[in-house]
Amino acid sequence: MTVDLDETYEPSEDEPFMCDRQREYFRRKLLTWKEEILQESRDTLTALQNENENHPDLADRASSETDRAIELRARDRQRKLIAKIDAALGRLEDGAYGYCEETGEPISLKRLDARPIATLSIEAQERHERREKVYRDD
């Protein structure tokens, strides 16, 4: 089933929640985001392979190694983000996308647009963060 969306389409509260057009909009948004991350990873890998310079100066070498470590940590975070994007795409397929895992209520379209991998409504997320803070502060 192909859903026709023009480039200007934005999900609206005036249409049924998670109708075909909304699902297609979020599917495209997630796939585009994933492709951007994968392209950045390829670019980083190429840059790291090309930067096999032997820095004679210890400060230059230390700086280069620090930069490399920061870049690799960022890539690791993005690897985890790709797993979350894939999970969101799976929820789109099984019909669970857009609904709070905790309450089953719809997650607001604005929240999903800002954070397409969201699994909790704002209220549930805030409760979760408050509980986390309480346990962390003990």
N, C-alpha and C. Protein backbone atom coordinates (compact mmCIF):
# COMPACT_ATOMS: atom_id res chain seq x y z
N MET A 1 0.84 -1.17 0.00
CA MET A 1 0.00 0.00 0.00
C MET A 1 0.90 1.24 0.00
N THR A 2 0.72 2.09 -1.00
CA THR A 2 1.50 3.31 -1.11
C THR A 2 0.64 4.50 -0.73
N VAL A 3 1.19 5.33 0.12
CA VAL A 3 0.49 6.53 0.56
C VAL A 3 1.16 7.71 -0.12
N ASP A 4 0.35 8.54 -0.76
CA ASP A 4 0.88 9.70 -1.46
C ASP A 4 0.96 10.88 -0.50
N LEU A 5 2.20 11.34 -0.27
CA LEU A 5 2.43 12.50 0.60
C LEU A 5 3.22 13.54 -0.18
N ASP A 6 2.78 14.78 -0.12
CA ASP A 6 3.61 15.81 -0.74
C ASP A 6 4.63 16.30 0.29
N GLU A 7 5.59 17.05 -0.17
CA GLU A 7 6.70 17.51 0.68
C GLU A 7 6.25 18.43 1.81
N THR A 8 5.08 19.05 1.68
CA THR A 8 4.63 20.01 2.68
C THR A 8 3.74 19.38 3.76
N TYR A 9 3.42 18.11 3.61
CA TYR A 9 2.52 17.46 4.57
C TYR A 9 3.11 17.48 5.98
N GLU A 10 2.26 17.81 6.94
CA GLU A 10 2.59 17.70 8.35
C GLU A 10 1.40 17.08 9.06
N PRO A 11 1.64 16.13 9.96
CA PRO A 11 0.53 15.51 10.69
C PRO A 11 -0.31 16.55 11.42
N SER A 12 -1.59 16.31 11.45
CA SER A 12 -2.51 17.27 12.07
C SER A 12 -3.43 16.57 13.04
N GLU A 13 -3.82 17.32 14.06
CA GLU A 13 -4.78 16.80 15.06
C GLU A 13 -6.17 16.63 14.43
N ASP A 14 -6.37 17.22 13.24
CA ASP A 14 -7.68 17.16 12.57
C ASP A 14 -7.93 15.83 11.87
N GLU A 15 -6.92 15.00 11.75
CA GLU A 15 -7.09 13.70 11.10
C GLU A 15 -6.99 12.59 12.14
N PRO A 16 -7.49 11.41 11.81
CA PRO A 16 -7.42 10.30 12.78
C PRO A 16 -5.97 10.01 13.18
N PHE A 17 -5.76 9.75 14.47
CA PHE A 17 -4.42 9.49 14.99
C PHE A 17 -3.83 8.25 14.34
N MET A 18 -2.63 8.38 13.88
CA MET A 18 -1.85 7.33 13.22
C MET A 18 -2.57 6.74 12.01
N CYS A 19 -3.22 7.62 11.27
CA CYS A 19 -3.80 7.20 9.99
C CYS A 19 -2.65 6.87 9.03
N ASP A 20 -2.97 6.34 7.87
CA ASP A 20 -1.94 5.92 6.91
C ASP A 20 -0.97 7.05 6.57
N ARG A 21 -1.50 8.27 6.40
CA ARG A 21 -0.64 9.40 6.05
C ARG A 21 0.34 9.72 7.18
N GLN A 22 -0.13 9.70 8.41
CA GLN A 22 0.77 9.97 9.54
C GLN A 22 1.83 8.88 9.66
N ARG A 23 1.41 7.64 9.53
CA ARG A 23 2.39 6.54 9.62
C ARG A 23 3.45 6.67 8.54
N GLU A 24 3.03 6.99 7.33
CA GLU A 24 3.99 7.15 6.23
C GLU A 24 4.92 8.34 6.48
N TYR A 25 4.38 9.41 7.01
CA TYR A 25 5.18 10.60 7.34
C TYR A 25 6.29 10.22 8.33
N PHE A 26 5.92 9.52 9.40
CA PHE A 26 6.90 9.15 10.42
C PHE A 26 7.86 8.09 9.91
N ARG A 27 7.38 7.18 9.07
CA ARG A 27 8.27 6.16 8.48
C ARG A 27 9.36 6.86 7.66
N ARG A 28 8.96 7.80 6.82
CA ARG A 28 9.94 8.53 6.01
C ARG A 28 10.90 9.34 6.87
N LYS A 29 10.35 9.96 7.90
CA LYS A 29 11.19 10.77 8.81
C LYS A 29 12.24 9.89 9.49
N LEU A 30 11.84 8.73 9.97
CA LEU A 30 12.75 7.80 10.63
C LEU A 30 13.80 7.26 9.65
N LEU A 31 13.38 6.89 8.45
CA LEU A 31 14.32 6.35 7.47
C LEU A 31 15.33 7.41 7.03
N THR A 32 14.88 8.64 6.86
CA THR A 32 15.79 9.73 6.48
C THR A 32 16.80 9.98 7.59
N TRP A 33 16.33 10.00 8.83
CA TRP A 33 17.20 10.21 9.98
C TRP A 33 18.25 9.10 10.05
N LYS A 34 17.82 7.86 9.87
CA LYS A 34 18.73 6.72 9.92
C LYS A 34 19.78 6.83 8.81
N GLU A 35 19.36 7.19 7.62
CA GLU A 35 20.31 7.31 6.50
C GLU A 35 21.33 8.43 6.76
N GLU A 36 20.88 9.53 7.35
CA GLU A 36 21.81 10.62 7.69
C GLU A 36 22.86 10.15 8.70
N ILE A 37 22.43 9.40 9.69
CA ILE A 37 23.37 8.88 10.70
C ILE A 37 24.35 7.91 10.06
N LEU A 38 23.85 7.02 9.20
CA LEU A 38 24.73 6.05 8.55
C LEU A 38 25.75 6.76 7.65
N GLN A 39 25.32 7.82 6.96
CA GLN A 39 26.24 8.56 6.11
C GLN A 39 27.31 9.25 6.95
N GLU A 40 26.91 9.84 8.08
CA GLU A 40 27.89 10.45 8.98
C GLU A 40 28.89 9.41 9.48
N SER A 41 28.41 8.21 9.76
CA SER A 41 29.31 7.15 10.23
C SER A 41 30.29 6.75 9.14
N ARG A 42 29.81 6.65 7.91
CA ARG A 42 30.71 6.33 6.79
C ARG A 42 31.76 7.43 6.62
N ASP A 43 31.32 8.68 6.72
CA ASP A 43 32.26 9.80 6.59
C ASP A 43 33.31 9.76 7.70
N THR A 44 32.88 9.45 8.91
CA THR A 44 33.82 9.38 10.04
C THR A 44 34.82 8.25 9.82
N LEU A 45 34.33 7.11 9.39
CA LEU A 45 35.21 5.97 9.15
C LEU A 45 36.26 6.31 8.10
N THR A 46 35.84 6.96 7.03
CA THR A 46 36.77 7.37 5.98
C THR A 46 37.80 8.34 6.53
N ALA A 47 37.33 9.33 7.31
CA ALA A 47 38.24 10.32 7.89
C ALA A 47 39.24 9.66 8.83
N LEU A 48 38.77 8.72 9.65
CA LEU A 48 39.68 8.05 10.59
C LEU A 48 40.70 7.20 9.85
N GLN A 49 40.29 6.57 8.75
CA GLN A 49 41.23 5.75 7.97
C GLN A 49 42.26 6.63 7.28
N ASN A 50 41.84 7.79 6.85
CA ASN A 50 42.76 8.71 6.15
C ASN A 50 43.68 9.45 7.11
N GLU A 51 43.35 9.47 8.39
CA GLU A 51 44.12 10.22 9.37
C GLU A 51 45.12 9.34 10.09
N ASN A 52 45.74 8.46 9.38
CA ASN A 52 46.73 7.58 10.00
C ASN A 52 48.09 8.26 10.03
N GLU A 53 48.09 9.54 10.36
CA GLU A 53 49.34 10.29 10.42
C GLU A 53 50.10 9.93 11.68
N ASN A 54 51.39 9.95 11.54
CA ASN A 54 52.23 9.76 12.71
C ASN A 54 52.68 11.14 13.16
N HIS A 55 52.11 11.62 14.24
CA HIS A 55 52.43 12.95 14.73
C HIS A 55 53.71 12.88 15.56
N PRO A 56 54.76 13.56 15.09
CA PRO A 56 56.01 13.52 15.87
C PRO A 56 55.92 14.27 17.19
N ASP A 57 55.05 15.27 17.22
CA ASP A 57 54.90 16.06 18.44
C ASP A 57 53.91 15.37 19.37
N LEU A 58 54.30 15.20 20.63
CA LEU A 58 53.44 14.50 21.60
C LEU A 58 52.12 15.23 21.80
N ALA A 59 52.14 16.54 21.82
CA ALA A 59 50.90 17.30 22.02
C ALA A 59 49.95 17.10 20.83
N ASP A 60 50.51 17.09 19.61
CA ASP A 60 49.68 16.85 18.43
C ASP A 60 49.08 15.45 18.46
N ARG A 61 49.90 14.49 18.85
CA ARG A 61 49.43 13.11 18.91
C ARG A 61 48.32 12.97 19.96
N ALA A 62 48.51 13.57 21.12
CA ALA A 62 47.51 13.50 22.20
C ALA A 62 46.22 14.17 21.75
N SER A 63 46.34 15.30 21.10
CA SER A 63 45.15 16.01 20.62
C SER A 63 44.41 15.17 19.59
N SER A 64 45.15 14.56 18.69
CA SER A 64 44.54 13.72 17.65
C SER A 64 43.83 12.51 18.27
N GLU A 65 44.47 11.90 19.26
CA GLU A 65 43.87 10.73 19.92
C GLU A 65 42.62 11.13 20.71
N THR A 66 42.64 12.29 21.32
CA THR A 66 41.46 12.79 22.04
C THR A 66 40.31 13.03 21.07
N ASP A 67 40.63 13.67 19.94
CA ASP A 67 39.60 13.91 18.91
C ASP A 67 39.01 12.59 18.43
N ARG A 68 39.87 11.62 18.21
CA ARG A 68 39.42 10.30 17.73
C ARG A 68 38.51 9.63 18.77
N ALA A 69 38.88 9.71 20.03
CA ALA A 69 38.08 9.09 21.09
C ALA A 69 36.70 9.76 21.18
N ILE A 70 36.67 11.08 21.08
CA ILE A 70 35.39 11.80 21.13
C ILE A 70 34.52 11.39 19.95
N GLU A 71 35.11 11.31 18.77
CA GLU A 71 34.37 10.93 17.56
C GLU A 71 33.81 9.51 17.69
N LEU A 72 34.61 8.61 18.23
CA LEU A 72 34.16 7.22 18.38
C LEU A 72 33.04 7.11 19.42
N ARG A 73 33.10 7.91 20.48
CA ARG A 73 32.00 7.91 21.46
C ARG A 73 30.72 8.42 20.83
N ALA A 74 30.84 9.45 20.01
CA ALA A 74 29.66 9.99 19.31
C ALA A 74 29.08 8.93 18.38
N ARG A 75 29.92 8.21 17.68
CA ARG A 75 29.44 7.15 16.77
C ARG A 75 28.76 6.04 17.56
N ASP A 76 29.27 5.73 18.74
CA ASP A 76 28.65 4.69 19.55
C ASP A 76 27.25 5.11 19.99
N ARG A 77 27.10 6.40 20.37
CA ARG A 77 25.77 6.90 20.72
C ARG A 77 24.84 6.81 19.51
N GLN A 78 25.38 7.11 18.34
CA GLN A 78 24.55 7.05 17.14
C GLN A 78 24.18 5.60 16.79
N ARG A 79 25.08 4.66 17.09
CA ARG A 79 24.76 3.25 16.86
C ARG A 79 23.56 2.84 17.72
N LYS A 80 23.55 3.32 18.96
CA LYS A 80 22.42 3.03 19.84
C LYS A 80 21.16 3.73 19.34
N LEU A 81 21.31 4.92 18.78
CA LEU A 81 20.17 5.65 18.22
C LEU A 81 19.58 4.90 17.03
N ILE A 82 20.43 4.30 16.22
CA ILE A 82 19.93 3.52 15.07
C ILE A 82 19.09 2.35 15.57
N ALA A 83 19.50 1.72 16.65
CA ALA A 83 18.71 0.62 17.22
C ALA A 83 17.33 1.13 17.65
N LYS A 84 17.28 2.34 18.22
CA LYS A 84 15.99 2.92 18.62
C LYS A 84 15.14 3.27 17.40
N ILE A 85 15.79 3.76 16.35
CA ILE A 85 15.06 4.06 15.12
C ILE A 85 14.48 2.78 14.53
N ASP A 86 15.28 1.72 14.51
CA ASP A 86 14.79 0.43 13.99
C ASP A 86 13.62 -0.09 14.83
N ALA A 87 13.70 0.10 16.14
CA ALA A 87 12.59 -0.32 17.01
C ALA A 87 11.34 0.49 16.70
N ALA A 88 11.49 1.79 16.46
CA ALA A 88 10.34 2.64 16.11
C ALA A 88 9.74 2.20 14.78
N LEU A 89 10.59 1.85 13.82
CA LEU A 89 10.08 1.36 12.53
C LEU A 89 9.31 0.04 12.73
N GLY A 90 9.79 -0.78 13.64
CA GLY A 90 9.08 -2.03 13.96
C GLY A 90 7.72 -1.74 14.59
N ARG A 91 7.66 -0.74 15.47
CA ARG A 91 6.38 -0.37 16.07
C ARG A 91 5.43 0.19 15.02
N LEU A 92 5.98 0.89 14.03
CA LEU A 92 5.13 1.38 12.94
C LEU A 92 4.50 0.22 12.20
N GLU A 93 5.28 -0.82 11.98
CA GLU A 93 4.78 -2.01 11.26
C GLU A 93 3.71 -2.75 12.06
N ASP A 94 3.91 -2.85 13.38
CA ASP A 94 2.95 -3.64 14.17
C ASP A 94 1.81 -2.82 14.76
N GLY A 95 1.80 -1.52 14.48
CA GLY A 95 0.68 -0.69 14.91
C GLY A 95 0.82 -0.09 16.30
N ALA A 96 1.96 -0.31 16.96
CA ALA A 96 2.15 0.22 18.31
C ALA A 96 2.76 1.62 18.30
N TYR A 97 3.24 2.07 17.17
CA TYR A 97 3.92 3.36 17.09
C TYR A 97 2.96 4.50 17.43
N GLY A 98 3.47 5.44 18.22
CA GLY A 98 2.69 6.63 18.56
C GLY A 98 1.88 6.49 19.84
N TYR A 99 1.93 5.32 20.43
CA TYR A 99 1.18 5.09 21.67
C TYR A 99 2.15 4.88 22.82
N CYS A 100 1.85 5.49 23.96
CA CYS A 100 2.69 5.42 25.14
C CYS A 100 2.80 3.97 25.63
N GLU A 101 4.03 3.52 25.85
CA GLU A 101 4.25 2.16 26.35
C GLU A 101 3.71 1.97 27.75
N GLU A 102 3.63 3.06 28.51
CA GLU A 102 3.20 2.97 29.90
C GLU A 102 1.68 3.04 30.04
N THR A 103 1.06 3.97 29.32
CA THR A 103 -0.38 4.20 29.49
C THR A 103 -1.24 3.72 28.34
N GLY A 104 -0.62 3.51 27.17
CA GLY A 104 -1.39 3.13 25.99
C GLY A 104 -2.07 4.30 25.30
N GLU A 105 -1.93 5.48 25.87
CA GLU A 105 -2.54 6.68 25.29
C GLU A 105 -1.68 7.18 24.13
N PRO A 106 -2.30 7.91 23.19
CA PRO A 106 -1.52 8.47 22.08
C PRO A 106 -0.48 9.48 22.58
N ILE A 107 0.69 9.42 21.99
CA ILE A 107 1.74 10.41 22.24
C ILE A 107 1.44 11.59 21.32
N SER A 108 1.60 12.80 21.80
CA SER A 108 1.24 13.97 20.99
C SER A 108 2.06 14.00 19.69
N LEU A 109 1.41 14.48 18.64
CA LEU A 109 2.08 14.58 17.34
C LEU A 109 3.29 15.51 17.41
N LYS A 110 3.18 16.57 18.21
CA LYS A 110 4.32 17.50 18.34
C LYS A 110 5.52 16.78 18.95
N ARG A 111 5.26 15.96 19.96
CA ARG A 111 6.35 15.21 20.59
C ARG A 111 6.96 14.22 19.60
N LEU A 112 6.12 13.51 18.87
CA LEU A 112 6.63 12.54 17.90
C LEU A 112 7.40 13.23 16.78
N ASP A 113 6.94 14.40 16.39
CA ASP A 113 7.64 15.13 15.34
C ASP A 113 9.02 15.57 15.84
N ALA A 114 9.10 16.01 17.09
CA ALA A 114 10.37 16.45 17.67
C ALA A 114 11.27 15.26 18.03
N ARG A 115 10.67 14.18 18.47
CA ARG A 115 11.42 12.99 18.92
C ARG A 115 10.73 11.74 18.37
N PRO A 116 10.95 11.42 17.10
CA PRO A 116 10.21 10.32 16.47
C PRO A 116 10.41 8.95 17.10
N ILE A 117 11.41 8.82 17.97
CA ILE A 117 11.64 7.52 18.61
C ILE A 117 10.98 7.44 19.99
N ALA A 118 10.22 8.47 20.36
CA ALA A 118 9.60 8.51 21.68
C ALA A 118 8.70 7.30 21.91
N THR A 119 8.78 6.75 23.11
CA THR A 119 7.93 5.62 23.47
C THR A 119 7.00 5.96 24.62
N LEU A 120 7.21 7.15 25.21
CA LEU A 120 6.38 7.58 26.34
C LEU A 120 5.78 8.94 26.04
N SER A 121 4.57 9.16 26.54
CA SER A 121 3.98 10.50 26.44
C SER A 121 4.79 11.44 27.32
N ILE A 122 4.60 12.72 27.14
CA ILE A 122 5.34 13.69 27.96
C ILE A 122 5.08 13.45 29.44
N GLU A 123 3.82 13.22 29.79
CA GLU A 123 3.48 13.01 31.21
C GLU A 123 4.17 11.77 31.76
N ALA A 124 4.15 10.67 31.00
CA ALA A 124 4.80 9.44 31.45
C ALA A 124 6.31 9.62 31.53
N GLN A 125 6.88 10.36 30.58
CA GLN A 125 8.32 10.61 30.59
C GLN A 125 8.71 11.44 31.82
N GLU A 126 7.90 12.45 32.13
CA GLU A 126 8.18 13.27 33.31
C GLU A 126 8.10 12.44 34.58
N ARG A 127 7.10 11.55 34.69
CA ARG A 127 7.00 10.67 35.87
C ARG A 127 8.25 9.79 35.96
N HIS A 128 8.64 9.24 34.83
CA HIS A 128 9.81 8.37 34.76
C HIS A 128 11.06 9.13 35.23
N GLU A 129 11.24 10.36 34.75
CA GLU A 129 12.40 11.16 35.13
C GLU A 129 12.37 11.55 36.60
N ARG A 130 11.17 11.83 37.15
CA ARG A 130 11.07 12.15 38.58
C ARG A 130 11.46 10.94 39.42
N ARG A 131 10.97 9.76 39.04
CA ARG A 131 11.34 8.53 39.77
C ARG A 131 12.84 8.30 39.70
N GLU A 132 13.42 8.51 38.52
CA GLU A 132 14.85 8.34 38.34
C GLU A 132 15.63 9.29 39.23
N LYS A 133 15.18 10.52 39.32
CA LYS A 133 15.84 11.54 40.14
C LYS A 133 15.75 11.17 41.62
N VAL A 134 14.61 10.69 42.06
CA VAL A 134 14.44 10.29 43.45
C VAL A 134 15.41 9.16 43.80
N TYR A 135 15.53 8.16 42.92
CA TYR A 135 16.44 7.05 43.20
C TYR A 135 17.89 7.48 43.12
N ARG A 136 18.19 8.41 42.25
CA ARG A 136 19.56 8.89 42.08
C ARG A 136 19.99 9.73 43.27
N ASP A 137 19.04 10.46 43.85
CA ASP A 137 19.35 11.36 44.96
C ASP A 137 19.46 10.64 46.31
N ASP A 138 19.03 9.39 46.36
CA ASP A 138 19.10 8.64 47.64
C ASP A 138 20.51 8.33 48.06
